[in-house]
C-alpha atoms as a PDB file:
ATOM      1  CA  MET A   1     -31.922 -20.023  47.027  1.00  0.00           C
ATOM      2  CA  SER A   2     -29.700 -23.401  46.347  1.00  0.00           C
ATOM      3  CA  VAL A   3     -29.955 -25.798  49.633  1.00  0.00           C
ATOM      4  CA  GLU A   4     -33.576 -27.343  48.315  1.00  0.00           C
ATOM      5  CA  HIS A   5     -32.363 -30.514  50.752  1.00  0.00           C
ATOM      6  CA  VAL A   6     -29.799 -30.299  54.406  1.00  0.00           C
ATOM      7  CA  LYS A   7     -27.352 -33.469  54.284  1.00  0.00           C
ATOM      8  CA  LEU A   8     -24.623 -34.386  56.068  1.00  0.00           C
ATOM      9  CA  THR A   9     -21.122 -36.037  57.021  1.00  0.00           C
ATOM     10  CA  LYS A  10     -20.780 -38.900  59.375  1.00  0.00           C
ATOM     11  CA  THR A  11     -19.227 -36.935  61.869  1.00  0.00           C
ATOM     12  CA  ALA A  12     -21.810 -34.508  61.889  1.00  0.00           C
ATOM     13  CA  ARG A  13     -24.707 -37.064  62.068  1.00  0.00           C
ATOM     14  CA  ASP A  14     -22.062 -38.331  65.372  1.00  0.00           C
ATOM     15  CA  GLN A  15     -21.990 -35.235  66.578  1.00  0.00           C
ATOM     16  CA  LEU A  16     -24.917 -35.090  66.619  1.00  0.00           C
ATOM     17  CA  ILE A  17     -26.153 -38.367  68.204  1.00  0.00           C
ATOM     18  CA  THR A  18     -24.221 -37.115  70.779  1.00  0.00           C
ATOM     19  CA  LEU A  19     -25.270 -33.772  71.285  1.00  0.00           C
ATOM     20  CA  LYS A  20     -28.903 -34.993  71.537  1.00  0.00           C
ATOM     21  CA  ARG A  21     -27.868 -37.244  74.122  1.00  0.00           C
ATOM     22  CA  ARG A  22     -26.720 -33.932  76.640  1.00  0.00           C
ATOM     23  CA  THR A  23     -29.205 -32.038  75.668  1.00  0.00           C
ATOM     24  CA  GLY A  24     -32.021 -34.113  74.494  1.00  0.00           C
ATOM     25  CA  ILE A  25     -33.354 -32.078  72.412  1.00  0.00           C
ATOM     26  CA  THR A  26     -34.637 -35.084  70.115  1.00  0.00           C
ATOM     27  CA  GLN A  27     -34.608 -33.245  66.311  1.00  0.00           C
ATOM     28  CA  TRP A  28     -31.463 -32.346  64.310  1.00  0.00           C
ATOM     29  CA  ASN A  29     -32.938 -29.781  63.313  1.00  0.00           C
ATOM     30  CA  VAL A  30     -32.941 -28.086  66.155  1.00  0.00           C
ATOM     31  CA  LEU A  31     -30.055 -29.360  66.529  1.00  0.00           C
ATOM     32  CA  CYS A  32     -28.595 -28.079  63.113  1.00  0.00           C
ATOM     33  CA  ARG A  33     -30.324 -24.448  63.656  1.00  0.00           C
ATOM     34  CA  TRP A  34     -28.674 -23.570  66.860  1.00  0.00           C
ATOM     35  CA  ALA A  35     -25.024 -25.332  65.116  1.00  0.00           C
ATOM     36  CA  LEU A  36     -25.558 -22.778  62.156  1.00  0.00           C
ATOM     37  CA  CYS A  37     -26.141 -19.811  64.594  1.00  0.00           C
ATOM     38  CA  ARG A  38     -22.851 -20.444  65.950  1.00  0.00           C
ATOM     39  CA  SER A  39     -20.540 -20.973  63.250  1.00  0.00           C
ATOM     40  CA  LEU A  40     -22.398 -17.298  61.809  1.00  0.00           C
ATOM     41  CA  ALA A  41     -21.620 -16.029  65.172  1.00  0.00           C
ATOM     42  CA  GLU A  42     -17.210 -17.268  64.469  1.00  0.00           C
ATOM     43  CA  PRO A  43     -15.595 -13.680  63.246  1.00  0.00           C
ATOM     44  CA  ALA A  44     -13.016 -16.093  61.190  1.00  0.00           C
ATOM     45  CA  PRO A  45     -15.140 -17.382  57.643  1.00  0.00           C
ATOM     46  CA  PRO A  46     -15.017 -20.918  57.527  1.00  0.00           C
ATOM     47  CA  PRO A  47     -12.361 -23.574  56.899  1.00  0.00           C
ATOM     48  CA  GLN A  48     -12.440 -25.115  53.095  1.00  0.00           C
ATOM     49  CA  ALA A  49     -13.109 -28.301  53.123  1.00  0.00           C
ATOM     50  CA  LYS A  50     -14.553 -31.612  50.732  1.00  0.00           C
ATOM     51  CA  LEU A  51     -17.262 -32.309  52.659  1.00  0.00           C
ATOM     52  CA  VAL A  52     -18.223 -35.888  52.215  1.00  0.00           C
ATOM     53  CA  LEU A  53     -22.241 -36.257  52.257  1.00  0.00           C
ATOM     54  CA  ASP A  54     -22.414 -39.055  53.450  1.00  0.00           C
ATOM     55  CA  SER A  55     -24.715 -40.058  56.788  1.00  0.00           C
ATOM     56  CA  ASN A  56     -28.485 -40.862  56.360  1.00  0.00           C
ATOM     57  CA  VAL A  57     -29.525 -37.903  58.067  1.00  0.00           C
ATOM     58  CA  GLU A  58     -31.330 -35.573  55.447  1.00  0.00           C
ATOM     59  CA  MET A  59     -34.263 -33.444  56.016  1.00  0.00           C
ATOM     60  CA  THR A  60     -35.793 -30.768  53.006  1.00  0.00           C
ATOM     61  CA  TRP A  61     -34.590 -27.187  53.919  1.00  0.00           C
ATOM     62  CA  ARG A  62     -38.161 -26.285  54.956  1.00  0.00           C
ATOM     63  CA  VAL A  63     -37.932 -29.052  57.402  1.00  0.00           C
ATOM     64  CA  PHE A  64     -34.143 -27.937  59.079  1.00  0.00           C
ATOM     65  CA  ALA A  65     -35.348 -24.296  58.980  1.00  0.00           C
ATOM     66  CA  GLY A  66     -38.637 -24.277  60.557  1.00  0.00           C
ATOM     67  CA  PRO A  67     -40.642 -20.500  59.949  1.00  0.00           C
ATOM     68  CA  LEU A  68     -36.687 -19.151  59.847  1.00  0.00           C
ATOM     69  CA  GLY A  69     -36.216 -19.960  56.457  1.00  0.00           C
ATOM     70  CA  ASP A  70     -35.790 -16.803  55.089  1.00  0.00           C
ATOM     71  CA  GLU A  71     -34.361 -15.464  57.963  1.00  0.00           C
ATOM     72  CA  LEU A  72     -31.345 -17.765  57.707  1.00  0.00           C
ATOM     73  CA  TRP A  73     -30.963 -17.763  54.325  1.00  0.00           C
ATOM     74  CA  ALA A  74     -30.342 -14.187  55.005  1.00  0.00           C
ATOM     75  CA  LEU A  75     -27.811 -14.426  57.822  1.00  0.00           C
ATOM     76  CA  VAL A  76     -26.400 -16.612  55.061  1.00  0.00           C
ATOM     77  CA  ARG A  77     -26.271 -14.071  52.080  1.00  0.00           C
ATOM     78  CA  TRP A  78     -24.404 -11.799  54.441  1.00  0.00           C
ATOM     79  CA  ARG A  79     -22.364 -13.445  56.522  1.00  0.00           C
ATOM     80  CA  CYS A  80     -20.875 -14.648  52.386  1.00  0.00           C
ATOM     81  CA  HIS A  81     -21.226 -11.005  51.331  1.00  0.00           C
ATOM     82  CA  VAL A  82     -18.797  -9.767  55.051  1.00  0.00           C
ATOM     83  CA  ASP A  83     -16.696 -12.868  54.211  1.00  0.00           C
ATOM     84  CA  GLY A  84     -16.298 -11.558  50.528  1.00  0.00           C
ATOM     85  CA  VAL A  85     -17.323 -15.259  48.488  1.00  0.00           C
ATOM     86  CA  ASP A  86     -19.511 -15.045  45.662  1.00  0.00           C
ATOM     87  CA  LEU A  87     -23.035 -14.899  46.223  1.00  0.00           C
ATOM     88  CA  ASP A  88     -24.217 -17.069  43.601  1.00  0.00           C
ATOM     89  CA  GLU A  89     -25.998 -19.761  44.966  1.00  0.00           C
ATOM     90  CA  GLU A  90     -23.385 -22.425  44.604  1.00  0.00           C
ATOM     91  CA  SER A  91     -21.174 -20.993  46.859  1.00  0.00           C
ATOM     92  CA  MET A  92     -23.667 -19.715  49.520  1.00  0.00           C
ATOM     93  CA  ALA A  93     -24.698 -23.677  49.491  1.00  0.00           C
ATOM     94  CA  ASN A  94     -21.590 -24.327  49.965  1.00  0.00           C
ATOM     95  CA  GLN A  95     -20.435 -21.375  52.508  1.00  0.00           C
ATOM     96  CA  PHE A  96     -23.627 -22.752  53.973  1.00  0.00           C
ATOM     97  CA  ARG A  97     -22.546 -26.362  54.773  1.00  0.00           C
ATOM     98  CA  LEU A  98     -19.424 -25.494  56.163  1.00  0.00           C
ATOM     99  CA  HIS A  99     -20.923 -23.072  57.973  1.00  0.00           C
ATOM    100  CA  LEU A 100     -22.962 -26.253  59.438  1.00  0.00           C
ATOM    101  CA  HIS A 101     -20.553 -28.450  59.815  1.00  0.00           C
ATOM    102  CA  ARG A 102     -17.947 -26.618  61.818  1.00  0.00           C
ATOM    103  CA  GLY A 103     -21.011 -25.284  63.415  1.00  0.00           C
ATOM    104  CA  ILE A 104     -21.898 -28.998  64.876  1.00  0.00           C
ATOM    105  CA  GLY A 105     -18.163 -29.505  66.207  1.00  0.00           C
ATOM    106  CA  TYR A 106     -18.425 -26.224  67.995  1.00  0.00           C
ATOM    107  CA  LEU A 107     -21.135 -26.856  70.026  1.00  0.00           C
ATOM    108  CA  VAL A 108     -19.297 -30.907  71.250  1.00  0.00           C
ATOM    109  CA  GLY A 109     -16.693 -29.221  71.598  1.00  0.00           C
ATOM    110  CA  ASP A 110     -17.864 -26.605  73.876  1.00  0.00           C
ATOM    111  CA  SER A 111     -17.409 -27.775  78.000  1.00  0.00           C
ATOM    112  CA  ARG A 112     -20.284 -25.514  78.250  1.00  0.00           C
ATOM    113  CA  VAL A 113     -22.489 -27.650  76.813  1.00  0.00           C
ATOM    114  CA  ARG A 114     -23.206 -30.641  78.854  1.00  0.00           C
ATOM    115  CA  ASP A 115     -27.236 -30.237  78.681  1.00  0.00           C
ATOM    116  CA  LEU A 116     -29.708 -28.681  77.693  1.00  0.00           C
ATOM    117  CA  GLY A 117     -29.524 -25.247  80.334  1.00  0.00           C
ATOM    118  CA  GLY A 118     -25.112 -25.358  78.462  1.00  0.00           C
ATOM    119  CA  LEU A 119     -26.469 -25.002  75.354  1.00  0.00           C
ATOM    120  CA  ALA A 120     -28.464 -21.936  76.204  1.00  0.00           C
ATOM    121  CA  SER A 121     -25.752 -20.203  77.641  1.00  0.00           C
ATOM    122  CA  LEU A 122     -24.149 -19.521  74.585  1.00  0.00           C
ATOM    123  CA  VAL A 123     -27.125 -16.877  73.862  1.00  0.00           C
ATOM    124  CA  GLY A 124     -25.791 -14.562  76.938  1.00  0.00           C
END
């Protein structure tokens, strides 16, 4: 796996600050896992974008994924396969970053996510 460090854009950091305030979840990694899963659940692939990873939010893959590292990476790999993306490490790492950032945007833009209960309602 080629993602050893997870870094975010300033926009994503600001969106996560909003999500932390709304949900009461204080850990970046927990919100980022929600965001990744939210994006992976979307049928369309994320749009290609040049991400400028310029924020001060950075974490290791181990911190990001917690005990779900293998499972989350397998989901990214599966999604790359479904979307016809090359399964080389660089392409998969890029798709991971695109999904993560898209998912953060989805969560902050979802009117249901006004509190922790709203976030939990996305599961059903």
